[in-house]
Amino acid sequence: TPYCKVGLGICYDMRFAEMAQIYGQKGCQLLIYPGAFNMTTG
């Protein structure tokens, strides 16, 4: 975007730190995770 590079994950993807680190290495300054955690994990 004209503002920054954005990285995407979905819900369970957020548990995997390596994925976020790769996005950081690729120059992302914002990560967005659409997600639906439940009443146990939330």
PDB file of all heavy atoms in Angstrom:
ATOM      1  N   THR A   1       0.866  -1.169   0.000  1.00  0.00           N
ATOM      2  CA  THR A   1       0.000   0.000   0.000  1.00  0.00           C
ATOM      3  C   THR A   1       0.910   1.229   0.000  1.00  0.00           C
ATOM      4  O   THR A   1       2.125   1.105   0.217  1.00  0.00           O
ATOM      5  CB  THR A   1      -0.898   0.042   1.255  1.00  0.00           C
ATOM      6  OG1 THR A   1      -0.099   0.431   2.386  1.00  0.00           O
ATOM      7  CG2 THR A   1      -1.547  -1.302   1.529  1.00  0.00           C
ATOM      8  N   PRO A   2       0.367   2.425  -0.209  1.00  0.00           N
ATOM      9  CA  PRO A   2       1.212   3.622  -0.112  1.00  0.00           C
ATOM     10  C   PRO A   2       1.725   3.858   1.308  1.00  0.00           C
ATOM     11  O   PRO A   2       2.633   4.667   1.506  1.00  0.00           O
ATOM     12  CB  PRO A   2       0.259   4.754  -0.525  1.00  0.00           C
ATOM     13  CG  PRO A   2      -0.840   4.092  -1.272  1.00  0.00           C
ATOM     14  CD  PRO A   2      -0.989   2.746  -0.660  1.00  0.00           C
ATOM     15  N   TYR A   3       1.173   3.139   2.272  1.00  0.00           N
ATOM     16  CA  TYR A   3       1.517   3.345   3.674  1.00  0.00           C
ATOM     17  C   TYR A   3       2.604   2.373   4.133  1.00  0.00           C
ATOM     18  O   TYR A   3       3.590   2.778   4.746  1.00  0.00           O
ATOM     19  CB  TYR A   3       0.271   3.184   4.542  1.00  0.00           C
ATOM     20  CG  TYR A   3      -0.957   3.784   3.906  1.00  0.00           C
ATOM     21  CD1 TYR A   3      -1.992   2.973   3.407  1.00  0.00           C
ATOM     22  CD2 TYR A   3      -1.076   5.162   3.730  1.00  0.00           C
ATOM     23  CE1 TYR A   3      -3.104   3.516   2.789  1.00  0.00           C
ATOM     24  CE2 TYR A   3      -2.187   5.706   3.106  1.00  0.00           C
ATOM     25  CZ  TYR A   3      -3.203   4.881   2.645  1.00  0.00           C
ATOM     26  OH  TYR A   3      -4.296   5.424   2.011  1.00  0.00           O
ATOM     27  N   CYS A   4       2.416   1.099   3.848  1.00  0.00           N
ATOM     28  CA  CYS A   4       3.384   0.083   4.248  1.00  0.00           C
ATOM     29  C   CYS A   4       3.043  -1.229   3.559  1.00  0.00           C
ATOM     30  O   CYS A   4       1.988  -1.366   2.937  1.00  0.00           O
ATOM     31  CB  CYS A   4       3.391  -0.100   5.765  1.00  0.00           C
ATOM     32  SG  CYS A   4       1.865  -0.824   6.446  1.00  0.00           S
ATOM     33  N   LYS A   5       3.960  -2.186   3.691  1.00  0.00           N
ATOM     34  CA  LYS A   5       3.691  -3.541   3.214  1.00  0.00           C
ATOM     35  C   LYS A   5       2.965  -4.300   4.316  1.00  0.00           C
ATOM     36  O   LYS A   5       3.290  -4.176   5.490  1.00  0.00           O
ATOM     37  CB  LYS A   5       4.988  -4.259   2.850  1.00  0.00           C
ATOM     38  CG  LYS A   5       4.793  -5.717   2.401  1.00  0.00           C
ATOM     39  CD  LYS A   5       6.078  -6.368   1.952  1.00  0.00           C
ATOM     40  CE  LYS A   5       6.442  -5.943   0.547  1.00  0.00           C
ATOM     41  NZ  LYS A   5       7.560  -6.780  -0.002  1.00  0.00           N
ATOM     42  N   VAL A   6       1.975  -5.105   3.916  1.00  0.00           N
ATOM     43  CA  VAL A   6       1.135  -5.832   4.864  1.00  0.00           C
ATOM     44  C   VAL A   6       1.276  -7.335   4.622  1.00  0.00           C
ATOM     45  O   VAL A   6       1.272  -7.792   3.478  1.00  0.00           O
ATOM     46  CB  VAL A   6      -0.344  -5.419   4.710  1.00  0.00           C
ATOM     47  CG1 VAL A   6      -1.212  -6.159   5.720  1.00  0.00           C
ATOM     48  CG2 VAL A   6      -0.501  -3.903   4.865  1.00  0.00           C
ATOM     49  N   GLY A   7       1.399  -8.105   5.707  1.00  0.00           N
ATOM     50  CA  GLY A   7       1.442  -9.558   5.625  1.00  0.00           C
ATOM     51  C   GLY A   7       0.148 -10.159   6.129  1.00  0.00           C
ATOM     52  O   GLY A   7      -0.469  -9.629   7.056  1.00  0.00           O
ATOM     53  N   LEU A   8      -0.267 -11.272   5.532  1.00  0.00           N
ATOM     54  CA  LEU A   8      -1.547 -11.897   5.859  1.00  0.00           C
ATOM     55  C   LEU A   8      -1.382 -13.291   6.451  1.00  0.00           C
ATOM     56  O   LEU A   8      -0.561 -14.092   6.000  1.00  0.00           O
ATOM     57  CB  LEU A   8      -2.408 -12.029   4.594  1.00  0.00           C
ATOM     58  CG  LEU A   8      -2.894 -10.751   3.916  1.00  0.00           C
ATOM     59  CD1 LEU A   8      -3.598 -11.109   2.623  1.00  0.00           C
ATOM     60  CD2 LEU A   8      -3.820  -9.974   4.837  1.00  0.00           C
ATOM     61  N   GLY A   9      -2.190 -13.568   7.463  1.00  0.00           N
ATOM     62  CA  GLY A   9      -2.358 -14.915   7.981  1.00  0.00           C
ATOM     63  C   GLY A   9      -3.824 -15.077   8.327  1.00  0.00           C
ATOM     64  O   GLY A   9      -4.579 -14.101   8.368  1.00  0.00           O
ATOM     65  N   ILE A  10      -4.237 -16.298   8.583  1.00  0.00           N
ATOM     66  CA  ILE A  10      -5.622 -16.544   8.986  1.00  0.00           C
ATOM     67  C   ILE A  10      -5.617 -17.361  10.270  1.00  0.00           C
ATOM     68  O   ILE A  10      -5.115 -18.483  10.304  1.00  0.00           O
ATOM     69  CB  ILE A  10      -6.413 -17.299   7.896  1.00  0.00           C
ATOM     70  CG1 ILE A  10      -6.483 -16.475   6.603  1.00  0.00           C
ATOM     71  CG2 ILE A  10      -7.823 -17.622   8.381  1.00  0.00           C
ATOM     72  CD1 ILE A  10      -7.175 -17.195   5.446  1.00  0.00           C
ATOM     73  N   CYS A  11      -6.131 -16.753  11.332  1.00  0.00           N
ATOM     74  CA  CYS A  11      -6.429 -17.430  12.592  1.00  0.00           C
ATOM     75  C   CYS A  11      -5.277 -18.299  13.110  1.00  0.00           C
ATOM     76  O   CYS A  11      -4.323 -17.788  13.682  1.00  0.00           O
ATOM     77  CB  CYS A  11      -7.718 -18.232  12.432  1.00  0.00           C
ATOM     78  SG  CYS A  11      -8.539 -18.627  14.004  1.00  0.00           S
ATOM     79  N   TYR A  12      -5.321 -19.588  12.898  1.00  0.00           N
ATOM     80  CA  TYR A  12      -4.336 -20.531  13.435  1.00  0.00           C
ATOM     81  C   TYR A  12      -2.925 -20.215  12.944  1.00  0.00           C
ATOM     82  O   TYR A  12      -1.945 -20.551  13.613  1.00  0.00           O
ATOM     83  CB  TYR A  12      -4.752 -21.951  13.029  1.00  0.00           C
ATOM     84  CG  TYR A  12      -4.173 -23.066  13.876  1.00  0.00           C
ATOM     85  CD1 TYR A  12      -4.285 -23.060  15.263  1.00  0.00           C
ATOM     86  CD2 TYR A  12      -3.558 -24.156  13.264  1.00  0.00           C
ATOM     87  CE1 TYR A  12      -3.770 -24.108  16.023  1.00  0.00           C
ATOM     88  CE2 TYR A  12      -3.049 -25.202  14.012  1.00  0.00           C
ATOM     89  CZ  TYR A  12      -3.155 -25.171  15.396  1.00  0.00           C
ATOM     90  OH  TYR A  12      -2.652 -26.211  16.152  1.00  0.00           O
ATOM     91  N   ASP A  13      -2.802 -19.553  11.796  1.00  0.00           N
ATOM     92  CA  ASP A  13      -1.489 -19.140  11.294  1.00  0.00           C
ATOM     93  C   ASP A  13      -0.744 -18.293  12.324  1.00  0.00           C
ATOM     94  O   ASP A  13       0.490 -18.279  12.350  1.00  0.00           O
ATOM     95  CB  ASP A  13      -1.631 -18.321  10.001  1.00  0.00           C
ATOM     96  CG  ASP A  13      -1.987 -19.158   8.778  1.00  0.00           C
ATOM     97  OD1 ASP A  13      -1.762 -20.389   8.792  1.00  0.00           O
ATOM     98  OD2 ASP A  13      -2.493 -18.572   7.792  1.00  0.00           O
ATOM     99  N   MET A  14      -1.485 -17.569  13.163  1.00  0.00           N
ATOM    100  CA  MET A  14      -0.865 -16.659  14.119  1.00  0.00           C
ATOM    101  C   MET A  14      -0.036 -17.401  15.168  1.00  0.00           C
ATOM    102  O   MET A  14       0.862 -16.827  15.779  1.00  0.00           O
ATOM    103  CB  MET A  14      -1.946 -15.812  14.802  1.00  0.00           C
ATOM    104  CG  MET A  14      -1.408 -14.760  15.745  1.00  0.00           C
ATOM    105  SD  MET A  14      -2.622 -13.531  16.241  1.00  0.00           S
ATOM    106  CE  MET A  14      -3.891 -14.545  17.026  1.00  0.00           C
ATOM    107  N   ARG A  15      -0.308 -18.675  15.383  1.00  0.00           N
ATOM    108  CA  ARG A  15       0.436 -19.432  16.389  1.00  0.00           C
ATOM    109  C   ARG A  15       1.855 -19.770  15.935  1.00  0.00           C
ATOM    110  O   ARG A  15       2.664 -20.223  16.750  1.00  0.00           O
ATOM    111  CB  ARG A  15      -0.306 -20.731  16.729  1.00  0.00           C
ATOM    112  CG  ARG A  15      -1.585 -20.501  17.527  1.00  0.00           C
ATOM    113  CD  ARG A  15      -2.161 -21.812  18.022  1.00  0.00           C
ATOM    114  NE  ARG A  15      -3.363 -21.609  18.819  1.00  0.00           N
ATOM    115  CZ  ARG A  15      -3.378 -21.387  20.127  1.00  0.00           C
ATOM    116  NH1 ARG A  15      -2.245 -21.370  20.801  1.00  0.00           N
ATOM    117  NH2 ARG A  15      -4.519 -21.211  20.775  1.00  0.00           N
ATOM    118  N   PHE A  16       2.162 -19.559  14.680  1.00  0.00           N
ATOM    119  CA  PHE A  16       3.437 -20.005  14.134  1.00  0.00           C
ATOM    120  C   PHE A  16       4.350 -18.787  13.947  1.00  0.00           C
ATOM    121  O   PHE A  16       4.247 -18.035  12.984  1.00  0.00           O
ATOM    122  CB  PHE A  16       3.203 -20.783  12.842  1.00  0.00           C
ATOM    123  CG  PHE A  16       2.392 -22.029  13.090  1.00  0.00           C
ATOM    124  CD1 PHE A  16       0.999 -21.973  13.109  1.00  0.00           C
ATOM    125  CD2 PHE A  16       3.013 -23.234  13.397  1.00  0.00           C
ATOM    126  CE1 PHE A  16       0.234 -23.104  13.390  1.00  0.00           C
ATOM    127  CE2 PHE A  16       2.258 -24.371  13.682  1.00  0.00           C
ATOM    128  CZ  PHE A  16       0.876 -24.306  13.675  1.00  0.00           C
ATOM    129  N   ALA A  17       5.263 -18.631  14.929  1.00  0.00           N
ATOM    130  CA  ALA A  17       6.114 -17.447  14.984  1.00  0.00           C
ATOM    131  C   ALA A  17       7.000 -17.312  13.753  1.00  0.00           C
ATOM    132  O   ALA A  17       7.328 -16.198  13.332  1.00  0.00           O
ATOM    133  CB  ALA A  17       6.970 -17.496  16.251  1.00  0.00           C
ATOM    134  N   GLU A  18       7.379 -18.445  13.166  1.00  0.00           N
ATOM    135  CA  GLU A  18       8.265 -18.403  12.004  1.00  0.00           C
ATOM    136  C   GLU A  18       7.612 -17.676  10.830  1.00  0.00           C
ATOM    137  O   GLU A  18       8.279 -16.965  10.071  1.00  0.00           O
ATOM    138  CB  GLU A  18       8.662 -19.826  11.579  1.00  0.00           C
ATOM    139  CG  GLU A  18       9.435 -20.602  12.631  1.00  0.00           C
ATOM    140  CD  GLU A  18       8.543 -21.320  13.637  1.00  0.00           C
ATOM    141  OE1 GLU A  18       7.309 -21.100  13.629  1.00  0.00           O
ATOM    142  OE2 GLU A  18       9.090 -22.111  14.432  1.00  0.00           O
ATOM    143  N   MET A  19       6.318 -17.859  10.681  1.00  0.00           N
ATOM    144  CA  MET A  19       5.607 -17.220   9.573  1.00  0.00           C
ATOM    145  C   MET A  19       5.650 -15.699   9.724  1.00  0.00           C
ATOM    146  O   MET A  19       5.931 -14.969   8.762  1.00  0.00           O
ATOM    147  CB  MET A  19       4.160 -17.720   9.543  1.00  0.00           C
ATOM    148  CG  MET A  19       3.375 -17.292   8.330  1.00  0.00           C
ATOM    149  SD  MET A  19       1.757 -18.131   8.305  1.00  0.00           S
ATOM    150  CE  MET A  19       1.114 -17.514   6.754  1.00  0.00           C
ATOM    151  N   ALA A  20       5.407 -15.219  10.939  1.00  0.00           N
ATOM    152  CA  ALA A  20       5.463 -13.778  11.191  1.00  0.00           C
ATOM    153  C   ALA A  20       6.879 -13.249  10.989  1.00  0.00           C
ATOM    154  O   ALA A  20       7.073 -12.141  10.473  1.00  0.00           O
ATOM    155  CB  ALA A  20       4.982 -13.482  12.604  1.00  0.00           C
ATOM    156  N   GLN A  21       7.869 -14.036  11.373  1.00  0.00           N
ATOM    157  CA  GLN A  21       9.254 -13.591  11.210  1.00  0.00           C
ATOM    158  C   GLN A  21       9.620 -13.456   9.731  1.00  0.00           C
ATOM    159  O   GLN A  21      10.299 -12.495   9.341  1.00  0.00           O
ATOM    160  CB  GLN A  21      10.211 -14.571  11.901  1.00  0.00           C
ATOM    161  CG  GLN A  21      11.653 -14.081  11.923  1.00  0.00           C
ATOM    162  CD  GLN A  21      12.554 -14.959  12.768  1.00  0.00           C
ATOM    163  OE1 GLN A  21      12.105 -15.645  13.686  1.00  0.00           O
ATOM    164  NE2 GLN A  21      13.840 -14.951  12.468  1.00  0.00           N
ATOM    165  N   ILE A  22       9.151 -14.389   8.927  1.00  0.00           N
ATOM    166  CA  ILE A  22       9.386 -14.280   7.481  1.00  0.00           C
ATOM    167  C   ILE A  22       8.763 -12.995   6.943  1.00  0.00           C
ATOM    168  O   ILE A  22       9.367 -12.265   6.141  1.00  0.00           O
ATOM    169  CB  ILE A  22       8.813 -15.502   6.740  1.00  0.00           C
ATOM    170  CG1 ILE A  22       9.625 -16.761   7.069  1.00  0.00           C
ATOM    171  CG2 ILE A  22       8.774 -15.256   5.233  1.00  0.00           C
ATOM    172  CD1 ILE A  22      11.031 -16.778   6.527  1.00  0.00           C
ATOM    173  N   TYR A  23       7.541 -12.691   7.382  1.00  0.00           N
ATOM    174  CA  TYR A  23       6.898 -11.460   6.937  1.00  0.00           C
ATOM    175  C   TYR A  23       7.714 -10.237   7.346  1.00  0.00           C
ATOM    176  O   TYR A  23       7.851  -9.276   6.583  1.00  0.00           O
ATOM    177  CB  TYR A  23       5.483 -11.358   7.508  1.00  0.00           C
ATOM    178  CG  TYR A  23       4.462 -12.190   6.774  1.00  0.00           C
ATOM    179  CD1 TYR A  23       3.457 -12.877   7.453  1.00  0.00           C
ATOM    180  CD2 TYR A  23       4.479 -12.277   5.385  1.00  0.00           C
ATOM    181  CE1 TYR A  23       2.507 -13.631   6.780  1.00  0.00           C
ATOM    182  CE2 TYR A  23       3.531 -13.033   4.706  1.00  0.00           C
ATOM    183  CZ  TYR A  23       2.546 -13.713   5.406  1.00  0.00           C
ATOM    184  OH  TYR A  23       1.617 -14.450   4.728  1.00  0.00           O
ATOM    185  N   GLY A  24       8.263 -10.263   8.546  1.00  0.00           N
ATOM    186  CA  GLY A  24       9.114  -9.166   8.973  1.00  0.00           C
ATOM    187  C   GLY A  24      10.341  -9.036   8.092  1.00  0.00           C
ATOM    188  O   GLY A  24      10.740  -7.930   7.703  1.00  0.00           O
ATOM    189  N   GLN A  25      10.953 -10.171   7.746  1.00  0.00           N
ATOM    190  CA  GLN A  25      12.121 -10.166   6.873  1.00  0.00           C
ATOM    191  C   GLN A  25      11.785  -9.623   5.483  1.00  0.00           C
ATOM    192  O   GLN A  25      12.630  -9.026   4.810  1.00  0.00           O
ATOM    193  CB  GLN A  25      12.682 -11.583   6.750  1.00  0.00           C
ATOM    194  CG  GLN A  25      13.296 -12.133   8.024  1.00  0.00           C
ATOM    195  CD  GLN A  25      13.677 -13.597   7.900  1.00  0.00           C
ATOM    196  OE1 GLN A  25      13.517 -14.223   6.841  1.00  0.00           O
ATOM    197  NE2 GLN A  25      14.169 -14.171   8.993  1.00  0.00           N
ATOM    198  N   LYS A  26      10.535  -9.824   5.064  1.00  0.00           N
ATOM    199  CA  LYS A  26      10.104  -9.357   3.742  1.00  0.00           C
ATOM    200  C   LYS A  26       9.708  -7.874   3.755  1.00  0.00           C
ATOM    201  O   LYS A  26       9.274  -7.343   2.741  1.00  0.00           O
ATOM    202  CB  LYS A  26       8.926 -10.203   3.244  1.00  0.00           C
ATOM    203  CG  LYS A  26       9.319 -11.641   2.904  1.00  0.00           C
ATOM    204  CD  LYS A  26       8.112 -12.528   2.686  1.00  0.00           C
ATOM    205  CE  LYS A  26       7.417 -12.273   1.370  1.00  0.00           C
ATOM    206  NZ  LYS A  26       8.231 -12.680   0.211  1.00  0.00           N
ATOM    207  N   GLY A  27       9.830  -7.219   4.910  1.00  0.00           N
ATOM    208  CA  GLY A  27       9.574  -5.791   4.990  1.00  0.00           C
ATOM    209  C   GLY A  27       8.181  -5.392   5.439  1.00  0.00           C
ATOM    210  O   GLY A  27       7.822  -4.209   5.367  1.00  0.00           O
ATOM    211  N   CYS A  28       7.391  -6.336   5.941  1.00  0.00           N
ATOM    212  CA  CYS A  28       6.054  -5.985   6.425  1.00  0.00           C
ATOM    213  C   CYS A  28       6.151  -5.189   7.725  1.00  0.00           C
ATOM    214  O   CYS A  28       6.965  -5.506   8.593  1.00  0.00           O
ATOM    215  CB  CYS A  28       5.227  -7.247   6.657  1.00  0.00           C
ATOM    216  SG  CYS A  28       4.879  -8.182   5.149  1.00  0.00           S
ATOM    217  N   GLN A  29       5.312  -4.185   7.837  1.00  0.00           N
ATOM    218  CA  GLN A  29       5.233  -3.398   9.061  1.00  0.00           C
ATOM    219  C   GLN A  29       3.884  -3.579   9.770  1.00  0.00           C
ATOM    220  O   GLN A  29       3.701  -3.081  10.878  1.00  0.00           O
ATOM    221  CB  GLN A  29       5.464  -1.921   8.747  1.00  0.00           C
ATOM    222  CG  GLN A  29       6.895  -1.644   8.258  1.00  0.00           C
ATOM    223  CD  GLN A  29       7.102  -0.199   7.877  1.00  0.00           C
ATOM    224  OE1 GLN A  29       6.376   0.356   7.053  1.00  0.00           O
ATOM    225  NE2 GLN A  29       8.098   0.432   8.463  1.00  0.00           N
ATOM    226  N   LEU A  30       2.998  -4.287   9.128  1.00  0.00           N
ATOM    227  CA  LEU A  30       1.684  -4.593   9.683  1.00  0.00           C
ATOM    228  C   LEU A  30       1.312  -6.016   9.286  1.00  0.00           C
ATOM    229  O   LEU A  30       1.429  -6.381   8.112  1.00  0.00           O
ATOM    230  CB  LEU A  30       0.636  -3.606   9.154  1.00  0.00           C
ATOM    231  CG  LEU A  30      -0.841  -3.929   9.411  1.00  0.00           C
ATOM    232  CD1 LEU A  30      -1.161  -3.910  10.906  1.00  0.00           C
ATOM    233  CD2 LEU A  30      -1.748  -2.939   8.663  1.00  0.00           C
ATOM    234  N   LEU A  31       0.898  -6.818  10.257  1.00  0.00           N
ATOM    235  CA  LEU A  31       0.368  -8.156   9.997  1.00  0.00           C
ATOM    236  C   LEU A  31      -1.106  -8.158  10.365  1.00  0.00           C
ATOM    237  O   LEU A  31      -1.490  -7.640  11.413  1.00  0.00           O
ATOM    238  CB  LEU A  31       1.097  -9.222  10.821  1.00  0.00           C
ATOM    239  CG  LEU A  31       2.613  -9.309  10.674  1.00  0.00           C
ATOM    240  CD1 LEU A  31       3.153 -10.476  11.498  1.00  0.00           C
ATOM    241  CD2 LEU A  31       3.028  -9.432   9.221  1.00  0.00           C
ATOM    242  N   ILE A  32      -1.923  -8.730   9.505  1.00  0.00           N
ATOM    243  CA  ILE A  32      -3.353  -8.809   9.772  1.00  0.00           C
ATOM    244  C   ILE A  32      -3.790 -10.271   9.729  1.00  0.00           C
ATOM    245  O   ILE A  32      -3.522 -10.983   8.756  1.00  0.00           O
ATOM    246  CB  ILE A  32      -4.162  -7.970   8.765  1.00  0.00           C
ATOM    247  CG1 ILE A  32      -3.784  -6.494   8.920  1.00  0.00           C
ATOM    248  CG2 ILE A  32      -5.663  -8.172   8.976  1.00  0.00           C
ATOM    249  CD1 ILE A  32      -4.576  -5.557   8.040  1.00  0.00           C
ATOM    250  N   TYR A  33      -4.447 -10.679  10.808  1.00  0.00           N
ATOM    251  CA  TYR A  33      -4.938 -12.049  10.941  1.00  0.00           C
ATOM    252  C   TYR A  33      -6.449 -12.029  11.137  1.00  0.00           C
ATOM    253  O   TYR A  33      -6.920 -11.858  12.276  1.00  0.00           O
ATOM    254  CB  TYR A  33      -4.302 -12.738  12.149  1.00  0.00           C
ATOM    255  CG  TYR A  33      -2.816 -12.956  12.102  1.00  0.00           C
ATOM    256  CD1 TYR A  33      -1.948 -12.018  12.657  1.00  0.00           C
ATOM    257  CD2 TYR A  33      -2.266 -14.102  11.543  1.00  0.00           C
ATOM    258  CE1 TYR A  33      -0.574 -12.213  12.650  1.00  0.00           C
ATOM    259  CE2 TYR A  33      -0.894 -14.316  11.527  1.00  0.00           C
ATOM    260  CZ  TYR A  33      -0.051 -13.360  12.083  1.00  0.00           C
ATOM    261  OH  TYR A  33       1.308 -13.563  12.081  1.00  0.00           O
ATOM    262  N   PRO A  34      -7.250 -12.201  10.096  1.00  0.00           N
ATOM    263  CA  PRO A  34      -8.665 -12.514  10.341  1.00  0.00           C
ATOM    264  C   PRO A  34      -8.714 -13.842  11.093  1.00  0.00           C
ATOM    265  O   PRO A  34      -8.014 -14.791  10.723  1.00  0.00           O
ATOM    266  CB  PRO A  34      -9.246 -12.653   8.929  1.00  0.00           C
ATOM    267  CG  PRO A  34      -8.270 -11.942   8.038  1.00  0.00           C
ATOM    268  CD  PRO A  34      -6.935 -12.149   8.662  1.00  0.00           C
ATOM    269  N   GLY A  35      -9.493 -13.907  12.159  1.00  0.00           N
ATOM    270  CA  GLY A  35      -9.472 -15.128  12.963  1.00  0.00           C
ATOM    271  C   GLY A  35     -10.760 -15.327  13.732  1.00  0.00           C
ATOM    272  O   GLY A  35     -11.511 -14.383  13.968  1.00  0.00           O
ATOM    273  N   ALA A  36     -10.982 -16.555  14.140  1.00  0.00           N
ATOM    274  CA  ALA A  36     -12.175 -16.878  14.939  1.00  0.00           C
ATOM    275  C   ALA A  36     -11.762 -17.829  16.060  1.00  0.00           C
ATOM    276  O   ALA A  36     -12.093 -19.007  16.038  1.00  0.00           O
ATOM    277  CB  ALA A  36     -13.259 -17.496  14.066  1.00  0.00           C
ATOM    278  N   PHE A  37     -10.982 -17.297  17.020  1.00  0.00           N
ATOM    279  CA  PHE A  37     -10.664 -18.107  18.187  1.00  0.00           C
ATOM    280  C   PHE A  37     -11.965 -18.383  18.941  1.00  0.00           C
ATOM    281  O   PHE A  37     -12.950 -17.665  18.796  1.00  0.00           O
ATOM    282  CB  PHE A  37      -9.675 -17.375  19.096  1.00  0.00           C
ATOM    283  CG  PHE A  37      -8.219 -17.583  18.714  1.00  0.00           C
ATOM    284  CD1 PHE A  37      -7.828 -17.628  17.387  1.00  0.00           C
ATOM    285  CD2 PHE A  37      -7.250 -17.699  19.685  1.00  0.00           C
ATOM    286  CE1 PHE A  37      -6.501 -17.811  17.031  1.00  0.00           C
ATOM    287  CE2 PHE A  37      -5.916 -17.878  19.350  1.00  0.00           C
ATOM    288  CZ  PHE A  37      -5.537 -17.944  18.027  1.00  0.00           C
ATOM    289  N   ASN A  38     -11.953 -19.419  19.749  1.00  0.00           N
ATOM    290  CA  ASN A  38     -13.175 -19.859  20.428  1.00  0.00           C
ATOM    291  C   ASN A  38     -13.134 -19.516  21.919  1.00  0.00           C
ATOM    292  O   ASN A  38     -12.221 -18.836  22.386  1.00  0.00           O
ATOM    293  CB  ASN A  38     -13.373 -21.358  20.196  1.00  0.00           C
ATOM    294  CG  ASN A  38     -12.136 -22.146  20.594  1.00  0.00           C
ATOM    295  OD1 ASN A  38     -11.801 -22.245  21.763  1.00  0.00           O
ATOM    296  ND2 ASN A  38     -11.421 -22.676  19.601  1.00  0.00           N
ATOM    297  N   MET A  39     -14.118 -20.005  22.647  1.00  0.00           N
ATOM    298  CA  MET A  39     -14.253 -19.635  24.056  1.00  0.00           C
ATOM    299  C   MET A  39     -13.261 -20.370  24.966  1.00  0.00           C
ATOM    300  O   MET A  39     -13.163 -20.067  26.154  1.00  0.00           O
ATOM    301  CB  MET A  39     -15.687 -19.904  24.524  1.00  0.00           C
ATOM    302  CG  MET A  39     -16.729 -19.107  23.759  1.00  0.00           C
ATOM    303  SD  MET A  39     -16.483 -17.318  23.882  1.00  0.00           S
ATOM    304  CE  MET A  39     -16.904 -17.072  25.607  1.00  0.00           C
ATOM    305  N   THR A  40     -12.505 -21.313  24.399  1.00  0.00           N
ATOM    306  CA  THR A  40     -11.426 -21.964  25.144  1.00  0.00           C
ATOM    307  C   THR A  40     -10.091 -21.302  24.844  1.00  0.00           C
ATOM    308  O   THR A  40      -9.368 -20.873  25.746  1.00  0.00           O
ATOM    309  CB  THR A  40     -11.352 -23.467  24.804  1.00  0.00           C
ATOM    310  OG1 THR A  40     -12.559 -24.107  25.211  1.00  0.00           O
ATOM    311  CG2 THR A  40     -10.173 -24.130  25.511  1.00  0.00           C
ATOM    312  N   THR A  41      -9.758 -21.199  23.561  1.00  0.00           N
ATOM    313  CA  THR A  41      -8.455 -20.644  23.177  1.00  0.00           C
ATOM    314  C   THR A  41      -8.440 -19.117  23.190  1.00  0.00           C
ATOM    315  O   THR A  41      -7.380 -18.508  23.359  1.00  0.00           O
ATOM    316  CB  THR A  41      -8.058 -21.135  21.778  1.00  0.00           C
ATOM    317  OG1 THR A  41      -9.038 -20.701  20.813  1.00  0.00           O
ATOM    318  CG2 THR A  41      -7.954 -22.648  21.739  1.00  0.00           C
ATOM    319  N   GLY A  42      -9.601 -18.499  23.021  1.00  0.00           N
ATOM    320  CA  GLY A  42      -9.663 -17.046  22.978  1.00  0.00           C
ATOM    321  C   GLY A  42      -9.164 -16.368  24.241  1.00  0.00           C
ATOM    322  O   GLY A  42      -8.199 -15.595  24.205  1.00  0.00           O
TER     323      GLY A  42
END
